Amino acid sequence: MDDSGVCRWRDDAIIEAVRWDELATVAILTTSFGPAIDDVFWLLGGSGGAGVVVPSEQVPEGLMQRLQELPGFDNEALINAMTCTEDRVFPCWSAAKS
């Protein structure tokens, strides 16, 4: 994560990326597989179809705070996602609604 956006790397190459100025949606995916394995994923969707899936164990420092600063970010959805043990998606923010 930096001032331009968020990306995931594998083998020295970017595999997923979204720029802050193209961020269109934020959601949290939960699964019933935890707690033995990662079961919470941040879904950051871009306006051009780009996006990043960030497993909770790889969330960079400051990401949650930056997302919570988005106008209209749904903190209740965040709280519900963090306590969920089922397969669900929790929409937290949409550029179309802000």
PDB file of N, CA and C in Angstrom:
ATOM      1  N   MET A   1       0.852  -1.169   0.000  1.00  0.00           N
ATOM      2  CA  MET A   1       0.000   0.000   0.000  1.00  0.00           C
ATOM      3  C   MET A   1       0.896   1.230   0.000  1.00  0.00           C
ATOM      4  N   ASP A   2       0.526   2.199  -0.843  1.00  0.00           N
ATOM      5  CA  ASP A   2       1.230   3.478  -0.833  1.00  0.00           C
ATOM      6  C   ASP A   2       0.232   4.574  -1.201  1.00  0.00           C
ATOM      7  N   ASP A   3       0.731   5.754  -1.489  1.00  0.00           N
ATOM      8  CA  ASP A   3      -0.153   6.879  -1.798  1.00  0.00           C
ATOM      9  C   ASP A   3      -0.944   6.702  -3.088  1.00  0.00           C
ATOM     10  N   SER A   4      -0.503   5.805  -3.973  1.00  0.00           N
ATOM     11  CA  SER A   4      -1.219   5.627  -5.230  1.00  0.00           C
ATOM     12  C   SER A   4      -2.256   4.509  -5.178  1.00  0.00           C
ATOM     13  N   GLY A   5      -2.086   3.526  -4.277  1.00  0.00           N
ATOM     14  CA  GLY A   5      -3.060   2.448  -4.196  1.00  0.00           C
ATOM     15  C   GLY A   5      -2.559   1.240  -3.445  1.00  0.00           C
ATOM     16  N   VAL A   6      -3.162   0.099  -3.751  1.00  0.00           N
ATOM     17  CA  VAL A   6      -2.838  -1.165  -3.093  1.00  0.00           C
ATOM     18  C   VAL A   6      -2.538  -2.194  -4.164  1.00  0.00           C
ATOM     19  N   CYS A   7      -1.509  -3.017  -3.930  1.00  0.00           N
ATOM     20  CA  CYS A   7      -1.202  -4.089  -4.873  1.00  0.00           C
ATOM     21  C   CYS A   7      -0.708  -5.319  -4.119  1.00  0.00           C
ATOM     22  N   ARG A   8      -0.823  -6.470  -4.776  1.00  0.00           N
ATOM     23  CA  ARG A   8      -0.284  -7.721  -4.254  1.00  0.00           C
ATOM     24  C   ARG A   8       0.779  -8.196  -5.216  1.00  0.00           C
ATOM     25  N   TRP A   9       1.861  -8.699  -4.631  1.00  0.00           N
ATOM     26  CA  TRP A   9       2.993  -9.182  -5.415  1.00  0.00           C
ATOM     27  C   TRP A   9       3.139 -10.686  -5.261  1.00  0.00           C
ATOM     28  N   ARG A  10       3.626 -11.340  -6.297  1.00  0.00           N
ATOM     29  CA  ARG A  10       4.030 -12.737  -6.230  1.00  0.00           C
ATOM     30  C   ARG A  10       5.178 -12.912  -7.200  1.00  0.00           C
ATOM     31  N   ASP A  11       6.247 -13.514  -6.729  1.00  0.00           N
ATOM     32  CA  ASP A  11       7.423 -13.755  -7.571  1.00  0.00           C
ATOM     33  C   ASP A  11       7.898 -12.479  -8.263  1.00  0.00           C
ATOM     34  N   ASP A  12       7.992 -11.393  -7.495  1.00  0.00           N
ATOM     35  CA  ASP A  12       8.495 -10.101  -7.987  1.00  0.00           C
ATOM     36  C   ASP A  12       7.637  -9.475  -9.081  1.00  0.00           C
ATOM     37  N   ALA A  13       6.375  -9.854  -9.177  1.00  0.00           N
ATOM     38  CA  ALA A  13       5.480  -9.253 -10.170  1.00  0.00           C
ATOM     39  C   ALA A  13       4.145  -8.914  -9.508  1.00  0.00           C
ATOM     40  N   ILE A  14       3.561  -7.795  -9.909  1.00  0.00           N
ATOM     41  CA  ILE A  14       2.254  -7.409  -9.390  1.00  0.00           C
ATOM     42  C   ILE A  14       1.209  -8.333 -10.012  1.00  0.00           C
ATOM     43  N   ILE A  15       0.373  -8.945  -9.157  1.00  0.00           N
ATOM     44  CA  ILE A  15      -0.675  -9.819  -9.687  1.00  0.00           C
ATOM     45  C   ILE A  15      -2.054  -9.183  -9.568  1.00  0.00           C
ATOM     46  N   GLU A  16      -2.209  -8.243  -8.628  1.00  0.00           N
ATOM     47  CA  GLU A  16      -3.467  -7.530  -8.454  1.00  0.00           C
ATOM     48  C   GLU A  16      -3.152  -6.114  -7.998  1.00  0.00           C
ATOM     49  N   ALA A  17      -3.935  -5.159  -8.479  1.00  0.00           N
ATOM     50  CA  ALA A  17      -3.712  -3.774  -8.064  1.00  0.00           C
ATOM     51  C   ALA A  17      -4.965  -2.940  -8.271  1.00  0.00           C
ATOM     52  N   VAL A  18      -5.116  -1.943  -7.413  1.00  0.00           N
ATOM     53  CA  VAL A  18      -6.170  -0.954  -7.578  1.00  0.00           C
ATOM     54  C   VAL A  18      -5.623   0.384  -7.095  1.00  0.00           C
ATOM     55  N   ARG A  19      -5.871   1.405  -7.880  1.00  0.00           N
ATOM     56  CA  ARG A  19      -5.430   2.760  -7.521  1.00  0.00           C
ATOM     57  C   ARG A  19      -6.508   3.404  -6.652  1.00  0.00           C
ATOM     58  N   TRP A  20      -6.087   4.255  -5.706  1.00  0.00           N
ATOM     59  CA  TRP A  20      -7.049   4.944  -4.851  1.00  0.00           C
ATOM     60  C   TRP A  20      -8.045   5.759  -5.667  1.00  0.00           C
ATOM     61  N   ASP A  21      -7.553   6.418  -6.732  1.00  0.00           N
ATOM     62  CA  ASP A  21      -8.454   7.260  -7.520  1.00  0.00           C
ATOM     63  C   ASP A  21      -9.409   6.450  -8.400  1.00  0.00           C
ATOM     64  N   GLU A  22      -9.242   5.125  -8.440  1.00  0.00           N
ATOM     65  CA  GLU A  22     -10.135   4.250  -9.190  1.00  0.00           C
ATOM     66  C   GLU A  22     -10.938   3.328  -8.281  1.00  0.00           C
ATOM     67  N   LEU A  23     -10.750   3.449  -6.963  1.00  0.00           N
ATOM     68  CA  LEU A  23     -11.454   2.574  -6.026  1.00  0.00           C
ATOM     69  C   LEU A  23     -12.959   2.791  -6.147  1.00  0.00           C
ATOM     70  N   ALA A  24     -13.694   1.708  -6.365  1.00  0.00           N
ATOM     71  CA  ALA A  24     -15.141   1.801  -6.572  1.00  0.00           C
ATOM     72  C   ALA A  24     -15.936   1.084  -5.485  1.00  0.00           C
ATOM     73  N   THR A  25     -15.382   0.004  -4.936  1.00  0.00           N
ATOM     74  CA  THR A  25     -16.090  -0.758  -3.910  1.00  0.00           C
ATOM     75  C   THR A  25     -15.117  -1.326  -2.886  1.00  0.00           C
ATOM     76  N   VAL A  26     -15.635  -1.481  -1.667  1.00  0.00           N
ATOM     77  CA  VAL A  26     -14.908  -2.160  -0.602  1.00  0.00           C
ATOM     78  C   VAL A  26     -15.886  -3.131   0.042  1.00  0.00           C
ATOM     79  N   ALA A  27     -15.472  -4.383   0.159  1.00  0.00           N
ATOM     80  CA  ALA A  27     -16.293  -5.397   0.817  1.00  0.00           C
ATOM     81  C   ALA A  27     -15.372  -6.324   1.593  1.00  0.00           C
ATOM     82  N   ILE A  28     -15.969  -7.077   2.495  1.00  0.00           N
ATOM     83  CA  ILE A  28     -15.223  -8.065   3.260  1.00  0.00           C
ATOM     84  C   ILE A  28     -15.885  -9.420   3.034  1.00  0.00           C
ATOM     85  N   LEU A  29     -15.087 -10.394   2.625  1.00  0.00           N
ATOM     86  CA  LEU A  29     -15.534 -11.759   2.419  1.00  0.00           C
ATOM     87  C   LEU A  29     -15.128 -12.577   3.638  1.00  0.00           C
ATOM     88  N   THR A  30     -16.084 -13.297   4.224  1.00  0.00           N
ATOM     89  CA  THR A  30     -15.772 -14.195   5.330  1.00  0.00           C
ATOM     90  C   THR A  30     -16.082 -15.621   4.901  1.00  0.00           C
ATOM     91  N   THR A  31     -15.340 -16.560   5.475  1.00  0.00           N
ATOM     92  CA  THR A  31     -15.582 -17.971   5.191  1.00  0.00           C
ATOM     93  C   THR A  31     -15.756 -18.723   6.504  1.00  0.00           C
ATOM     94  N   SER A  32     -16.208 -19.940   6.396  1.00  0.00           N
ATOM     95  CA  SER A  32     -16.389 -20.791   7.568  1.00  0.00           C
ATOM     96  C   SER A  32     -15.156 -21.640   7.862  1.00  0.00           C
ATOM     97  N   PHE A  33     -14.037 -21.360   7.202  1.00  0.00           N
ATOM     98  CA  PHE A  33     -12.834 -22.182   7.338  1.00  0.00           C
ATOM     99  C   PHE A  33     -11.976 -21.837   8.555  1.00  0.00           C
ATOM    100  N   GLY A  34     -12.150 -20.666   9.147  1.00  0.00           N
ATOM    101  CA  GLY A  34     -11.305 -20.234  10.262  1.00  0.00           C
ATOM    102  C   GLY A  34     -11.645 -20.949  11.544  1.00  0.00           C
ATOM    103  N   PRO A  35     -10.906 -20.740  12.578  1.00  0.00           N
ATOM    104  CA  PRO A  35      -9.755 -19.853  12.646  1.00  0.00           C
ATOM    105  C   PRO A  35      -8.421 -20.506  12.288  1.00  0.00           C
ATOM    106  N   ALA A  36      -8.412 -21.799  11.945  1.00  0.00           N
ATOM    107  CA  ALA A  36      -7.158 -22.477  11.641  1.00  0.00           C
ATOM    108  C   ALA A  36      -6.448 -21.885  10.420  1.00  0.00           C
ATOM    109  N   ILE A  37      -7.229 -21.372   9.452  1.00  0.00           N
ATOM    110  CA  ILE A  37      -6.649 -20.715   8.277  1.00  0.00           C
ATOM    111  C   ILE A  37      -7.330 -19.362   8.109  1.00  0.00           C
ATOM    112  N   ASP A  38      -6.729 -18.512   7.297  1.00  0.00           N
ATOM    113  CA  ASP A  38      -7.277 -17.178   7.077  1.00  0.00           C
ATOM    114  C   ASP A  38      -8.694 -17.289   6.529  1.00  0.00           C
ATOM    115  N   ASP A  39      -9.626 -16.599   7.174  1.00  0.00           N
ATOM    116  CA  ASP A  39     -11.028 -16.712   6.770  1.00  0.00           C
ATOM    117  C   ASP A  39     -11.695 -15.359   6.560  1.00  0.00           C
ATOM    118  N   VAL A  40     -10.897 -14.296   6.496  1.00  0.00           N
ATOM    119  CA  VAL A  40     -11.411 -12.947   6.251  1.00  0.00           C
ATOM    120  C   VAL A  40     -10.564 -12.313   5.152  1.00  0.00           C
ATOM    121  N   PHE A  41     -11.246 -11.767   4.126  1.00  0.00           N
ATOM    122  CA  PHE A  41     -10.548 -11.183   2.987  1.00  0.00           C
ATOM    123  C   PHE A  41     -11.155  -9.831   2.643  1.00  0.00           C
ATOM    124  N   TRP A  42     -10.313  -8.827   2.444  1.00  0.00           N
ATOM    125  CA  TRP A  42     -10.748  -7.502   2.006  1.00  0.00           C
ATOM    126  C   TRP A  42     -10.805  -7.516   0.486  1.00  0.00           C
ATOM    127  N   LEU A  43     -11.936  -7.119  -0.075  1.00  0.00           N
ATOM    128  CA  LEU A  43     -12.131  -7.067  -1.528  1.00  0.00           C
ATOM    129  C   LEU A  43     -12.184  -5.604  -1.947  1.00  0.00           C
ATOM    130  N   LEU A  44     -11.164  -5.146  -2.643  1.00  0.00           N
ATOM    131  CA  LEU A  44     -11.086  -3.758  -3.105  1.00  0.00           C
ATOM    132  C   LEU A  44     -11.262  -3.758  -4.617  1.00  0.00           C
ATOM    133  N   GLY A  45     -12.394  -3.242  -5.077  1.00  0.00           N
ATOM    134  CA  GLY A  45     -12.705  -3.251  -6.496  1.00  0.00           C
ATOM    135  C   GLY A  45     -12.480  -1.891  -7.140  1.00  0.00           C
ATOM    136  N   GLY A  46     -11.917  -1.910  -8.324  1.00  0.00           N
ATOM    137  CA  GLY A  46     -11.672  -0.679  -9.059  1.00  0.00           C
ATOM    138  C   GLY A  46     -12.724  -0.413 -10.113  1.00  0.00           C
ATOM    139  N   SER A  47     -12.827   0.830 -10.535  1.00  0.00           N
ATOM    140  CA  SER A  47     -13.832   1.224 -11.523  1.00  0.00           C
ATOM    141  C   SER A  47     -13.590   0.597 -12.889  1.00  0.00           C
ATOM    142  N   GLY A  48     -12.370   0.255 -13.203  1.00  0.00           N
ATOM    143  CA  GLY A  48     -12.060  -0.333 -14.502  1.00  0.00           C
ATOM    144  C   GLY A  48     -12.009  -1.847 -14.487  1.00  0.00           C
ATOM    145  N   GLY A  49     -12.513  -2.456 -13.410  1.00  0.00           N
ATOM    146  CA  GLY A  49     -12.492  -3.907 -13.314  1.00  0.00           C
ATOM    147  C   GLY A  49     -11.290  -4.453 -12.572  1.00  0.00           C
ATOM    148  N   ALA A  50     -10.301  -3.612 -12.304  1.00  0.00           N
ATOM    149  CA  ALA A  50      -9.143  -4.047 -11.534  1.00  0.00           C
ATOM    150  C   ALA A  50      -9.561  -4.221 -10.081  1.00  0.00           C
ATOM    151  N   GLY A  51      -8.762  -4.923  -9.333  1.00  0.00           N
ATOM    152  CA  GLY A  51      -9.068  -5.086  -7.923  1.00  0.00           C
ATOM    153  C   GLY A  51      -7.996  -5.862  -7.199  1.00  0.00           C
ATOM    154  N   VAL A  52      -8.150  -5.900  -5.874  1.00  0.00           N
ATOM    155  CA  VAL A  52      -7.199  -6.598  -5.023  1.00  0.00           C
ATOM    156  C   VAL A  52      -7.977  -7.360  -3.962  1.00  0.00           C
ATOM    157  N   VAL A  53      -7.578  -8.587  -3.713  1.00  0.00           N
ATOM    158  CA  VAL A  53      -8.087  -9.378  -2.600  1.00  0.00           C
ATOM    159  C   VAL A  53      -6.960  -9.450  -1.581  1.00  0.00           C
ATOM    160  N   VAL A  54      -7.218  -8.916  -0.378  1.00  0.00           N
ATOM    161  CA  VAL A  54      -6.186  -8.869   0.652  1.00  0.00           C
ATOM    162  C   VAL A  54      -6.609  -9.764   1.823  1.00  0.00           C
ATOM    163  N   PRO A  55      -5.896 -10.883   2.032  1.00  0.00           N
ATOM    164  CA  PRO A  55      -6.189 -11.710   3.197  1.00  0.00           C
ATOM    165  C   PRO A  55      -5.918 -10.913   4.478  1.00  0.00           C
ATOM    166  N   SER A  56      -6.731 -11.147   5.510  1.00  0.00           N
ATOM    167  CA  SER A  56      -6.598 -10.351   6.727  1.00  0.00           C
ATOM    168  C   SER A  56      -5.210 -10.436   7.337  1.00  0.00           C
ATOM    169  N   GLU A  57      -4.539 -11.556   7.185  1.00  0.00           N
ATOM    170  CA  GLU A  57      -3.203 -11.685   7.763  1.00  0.00           C
ATOM    171  C   GLU A  57      -2.156 -10.885   6.972  1.00  0.00           C
ATOM    172  N   GLN A  58      -2.517 -10.366   5.811  1.00  0.00           N
ATOM    173  CA  GLN A  58      -1.590  -9.578   4.995  1.00  0.00           C
ATOM    174  C   GLN A  58      -2.019  -8.117   4.856  1.00  0.00           C
ATOM    175  N   VAL A  59      -3.002  -7.686   5.649  1.00  0.00           N
ATOM    176  CA  VAL A  59      -3.472  -6.304   5.566  1.00  0.00           C
ATOM    177  C   VAL A  59      -2.333  -5.365   5.969  1.00  0.00           C
ATOM    178  N   PRO A  60      -1.943  -4.453   5.080  1.00  0.00           N
ATOM    179  CA  PRO A  60      -0.851  -3.539   5.413  1.00  0.00           C
ATOM    180  C   PRO A  60      -1.276  -2.546   6.498  1.00  0.00           C
ATOM    181  N   GLU A  61      -0.303  -2.114   7.265  1.00  0.00           N
ATOM    182  CA  GLU A  61      -0.561  -1.139   8.314  1.00  0.00           C
ATOM    183  C   GLU A  61      -1.184   0.115   7.706  1.00  0.00           C
ATOM    184  N   GLY A  62      -2.258   0.572   8.294  1.00  0.00           N
ATOM    185  CA  GLY A  62      -2.916   1.788   7.846  1.00  0.00           C
ATOM    186  C   GLY A  62      -4.037   1.579   6.842  1.00  0.00           C
ATOM    187  N   LEU A  63      -4.181   0.347   6.297  1.00  0.00           N
ATOM    188  CA  LEU A  63      -5.223   0.126   5.287  1.00  0.00           C
ATOM    189  C   LEU A  63      -6.618   0.323   5.872  1.00  0.00           C
ATOM    190  N   MET A  64      -6.888  -0.286   7.011  1.00  0.00           N
ATOM    191  CA  MET A  64      -8.219  -0.183   7.585  1.00  0.00           C
ATOM    192  C   MET A  64      -8.565   1.271   7.898  1.00  0.00           C
ATOM    193  N   GLN A  65      -7.616   2.007   8.455  1.00  0.00           N
ATOM    194  CA  GLN A  65      -7.867   3.417   8.761  1.00  0.00           C
ATOM    195  C   GLN A  65      -8.154   4.198   7.485  1.00  0.00           C
ATOM    196  N   ARG A  66      -7.387   3.950   6.446  1.00  0.00           N
ATOM    197  CA  ARG A  66      -7.600   4.668   5.178  1.00  0.00           C
ATOM    198  C   ARG A  66      -8.988   4.370   4.615  1.00  0.00           C
ATOM    199  N   LEU A  67      -9.399   3.119   4.680  1.00  0.00           N
ATOM    200  CA  LEU A  67     -10.721   2.755   4.160  1.00  0.00           C
ATOM    201  C   LEU A  67     -11.833   3.350   5.007  1.00  0.00           C
ATOM    202  N   GLN A  68     -11.654   3.371   6.322  1.00  0.00           N
ATOM    203  CA  GLN A  68     -12.676   3.937   7.205  1.00  0.00           C
ATOM    204  C   GLN A  68     -12.842   5.437   7.012  1.00  0.00           C
ATOM    205  N   GLU A  69     -11.885   6.089   6.400  1.00  0.00           N
ATOM    206  CA  GLU A  69     -11.974   7.517   6.118  1.00  0.00           C
ATOM    207  C   GLU A  69     -12.780   7.811   4.849  1.00  0.00           C
ATOM    208  N   LEU A  70     -13.125   6.768   4.086  1.00  0.00           N
ATOM    209  CA  LEU A  70     -13.940   6.975   2.891  1.00  0.00           C
ATOM    210  C   LEU A  70     -15.316   7.481   3.312  1.00  0.00           C
ATOM    211  N   PRO A  71     -15.861   8.467   2.596  1.00  0.00           N
ATOM    212  CA  PRO A  71     -17.183   8.993   2.978  1.00  0.00           C
ATOM    213  C   PRO A  71     -18.265   7.922   2.878  1.00  0.00           C
ATOM    214  N   GLY A  72     -18.962   7.702   3.980  1.00  0.00           N
ATOM    215  CA  GLY A  72     -20.035   6.722   3.991  1.00  0.00           C
ATOM    216  C   GLY A  72     -19.589   5.300   4.265  1.00  0.00           C
ATOM    217  N   PHE A  73     -18.325   5.093   4.658  1.00  0.00           N
ATOM    218  CA  PHE A  73     -17.856   3.737   4.971  1.00  0.00           C
ATOM    219  C   PHE A  73     -18.724   3.151   6.079  1.00  0.00           C
ATOM    220  N   ASP A  74     -19.176   1.910   5.910  1.00  0.00           N
ATOM    221  CA  ASP A  74     -20.088   1.256   6.840  1.00  0.00           C
ATOM    222  C   ASP A  74     -19.303   0.481   7.907  1.00  0.00           C
ATOM    223  N   ASN A  75     -19.057   1.142   9.038  1.00  0.00           N
ATOM    224  CA  ASN A  75     -18.322   0.500  10.129  1.00  0.00           C
ATOM    225  C   ASN A  75     -19.117  -0.643  10.761  1.00  0.00           C
ATOM    226  N   GLU A  76     -20.430  -0.568  10.709  1.00  0.00           N
ATOM    227  CA  GLU A  76     -21.244  -1.663  11.248  1.00  0.00           C
ATOM    228  C   GLU A  76     -21.026  -2.940  10.434  1.00  0.00           C
ATOM    229  N   ALA A  77     -20.924  -2.808   9.123  1.00  0.00           N
ATOM    230  CA  ALA A  77     -20.636  -3.970   8.279  1.00  0.00           C
ATOM    231  C   ALA A  77     -19.262  -4.544   8.611  1.00  0.00           C
ATOM    232  N   LEU A  78     -18.291  -3.676   8.875  1.00  0.00           N
ATOM    233  CA  LEU A  78     -16.948  -4.112   9.267  1.00  0.00           C
ATOM    234  C   LEU A  78     -17.015  -4.929  10.554  1.00  0.00           C
ATOM    235  N   ILE A  79     -17.712  -4.423  11.549  1.00  0.00           N
ATOM    236  CA  ILE A  79     -17.835  -5.114  12.841  1.00  0.00           C
ATOM    237  C   ILE A  79     -18.534  -6.460  12.651  1.00  0.00           C
ATOM    238  N   ASN A  80     -19.615  -6.467  11.884  1.00  0.00           N
ATOM    239  CA  ASN A  80     -20.335  -7.716  11.634  1.00  0.00           C
ATOM    240  C   ASN A  80     -19.460  -8.734  10.911  1.00  0.00           C
ATOM    241  N   ALA A  81     -18.652  -8.284   9.977  1.00  0.00           N
ATOM    242  CA  ALA A  81     -17.755  -9.187   9.250  1.00  0.00           C
ATOM    243  C   ALA A  81     -16.710  -9.793  10.175  1.00  0.00           C
ATOM    244  N   MET A  82     -16.164  -8.989  11.066  1.00  0.00           N
ATOM    245  CA  MET A  82     -15.097  -9.473  11.940  1.00  0.00           C
ATOM    246  C   MET A  82     -15.599 -10.477  12.978  1.00  0.00           C
ATOM    247  N   THR A  83     -16.908 -10.536  13.177  1.00  0.00           N
ATOM    248  CA  THR A  83     -17.457 -11.495  14.142  1.00  0.00           C
ATOM    249  C   THR A  83     -18.183 -12.642  13.457  1.00  0.00           C
ATOM    250  N   CYS A  84     -18.165 -12.679  12.141  1.00  0.00           N
ATOM    251  CA  CYS A  84     -18.904 -13.688  11.379  1.00  0.00           C
ATOM    252  C   CYS A  84     -18.078 -14.969  11.222  1.00  0.00           C
ATOM    253  N   THR A  85     -18.733 -16.108  11.313  1.00  0.00           N
ATOM    254  CA  THR A  85     -18.072 -17.404  11.112  1.00  0.00           C
ATOM    255  C   THR A  85     -18.697 -18.176   9.950  1.00  0.00           C
ATOM    256  N   GLU A  86     -19.431 -17.478   9.107  1.00  0.00           N
ATOM    257  CA  GLU A  86     -20.110 -18.090   7.963  1.00  0.00           C
ATOM    258  C   GLU A  86     -19.540 -17.563   6.651  1.00  0.00           C
ATOM    259  N   ASP A  87     -19.918 -18.194   5.554  1.00  0.00           N
ATOM    260  CA  ASP A  87     -19.545 -17.735   4.212  1.00  0.00           C
ATOM    261  C   ASP A  87     -20.460 -16.573   3.842  1.00  0.00           C
ATOM    262  N   ARG A  88     -19.917 -15.342   3.862  1.00  0.00           N
ATOM    263  CA  ARG A  88     -20.728 -14.161   3.558  1.00  0.00           C
ATOM    264  C   ARG A  88     -19.856 -13.073   2.955  1.00  0.00           C
ATOM    265  N   VAL A  89     -20.511 -12.126   2.307  1.00  0.00           N
ATOM    266  CA  VAL A  89     -19.847 -10.918   1.809  1.00  0.00           C
ATOM    267  C   VAL A  89     -20.548  -9.728   2.452  1.00  0.00           C
ATOM    268  N   PHE A  90     -19.751  -8.824   3.003  1.00  0.00           N
ATOM    269  CA  PHE A  90     -20.260  -7.635   3.668  1.00  0.00           C
ATOM    270  C   PHE A  90     -19.834  -6.387   2.888  1.00  0.00           C
ATOM    271  N   PRO A  91     -20.733  -5.790   2.108  1.00  0.00           N
ATOM    272  CA  PRO A  91     -20.387  -4.542   1.421  1.00  0.00           C
ATOM    273  C   PRO A  91     -20.160  -3.446   2.471  1.00  0.00           C
ATOM    274  N   CYS A  92     -19.045  -2.738   2.352  1.00  0.00           N
ATOM    275  CA  CYS A  92     -18.694  -1.687   3.320  1.00  0.00           C
ATOM    276  C   CYS A  92     -18.717  -0.294   2.723  1.00  0.00           C
ATOM    277  N   TRP A  93     -18.494  -0.205   1.416  1.00  0.00           N
ATOM    278  CA  TRP A  93     -18.427   1.131   0.802  1.00  0.00           C
ATOM    279  C   TRP A  93     -18.583   0.986  -0.709  1.00  0.00           C
ATOM    280  N   SER A  94     -19.195   2.000  -1.299  1.00  0.00           N
ATOM    281  CA  SER A  94     -19.313   2.072  -2.742  1.00  0.00           C
ATOM    282  C   SER A  94     -19.168   3.534  -3.171  1.00  0.00           C
ATOM    283  N   ALA A  95     -18.366   3.770  -4.170  1.00  0.00           N
ATOM    284  CA  ALA A  95     -18.193   5.135  -4.680  1.00  0.00           C
ATOM    285  C   ALA A  95     -19.516   5.684  -5.183  1.00  0.00           C
ATOM    286  N   ALA A  96     -20.376   4.815  -5.698  1.00  0.00           N
ATOM    287  CA  ALA A  96     -21.661   5.252  -6.233  1.00  0.00           C
ATOM    288  C   ALA A  96     -22.575   5.794  -5.142  1.00  0.00           C
ATOM    289  N   LYS A  97     -22.378   5.382  -3.901  1.00  0.00           N
ATOM    290  CA  LYS A  97     -23.228   5.808  -2.792  1.00  0.00           C
ATOM    291  C   LYS A  97     -22.621   6.941  -1.988  1.00  0.00           C
ATOM    292  N   SER A  98     -21.372   7.288  -2.247  1.00  0.00           N
ATOM    293  CA  SER A  98     -20.732   8.336  -1.432  1.00  0.00           C
ATOM    294  C   SER A  98     -20.863   9.709  -2.061  1.00  0.00           C
TER     295      SER A  98
END
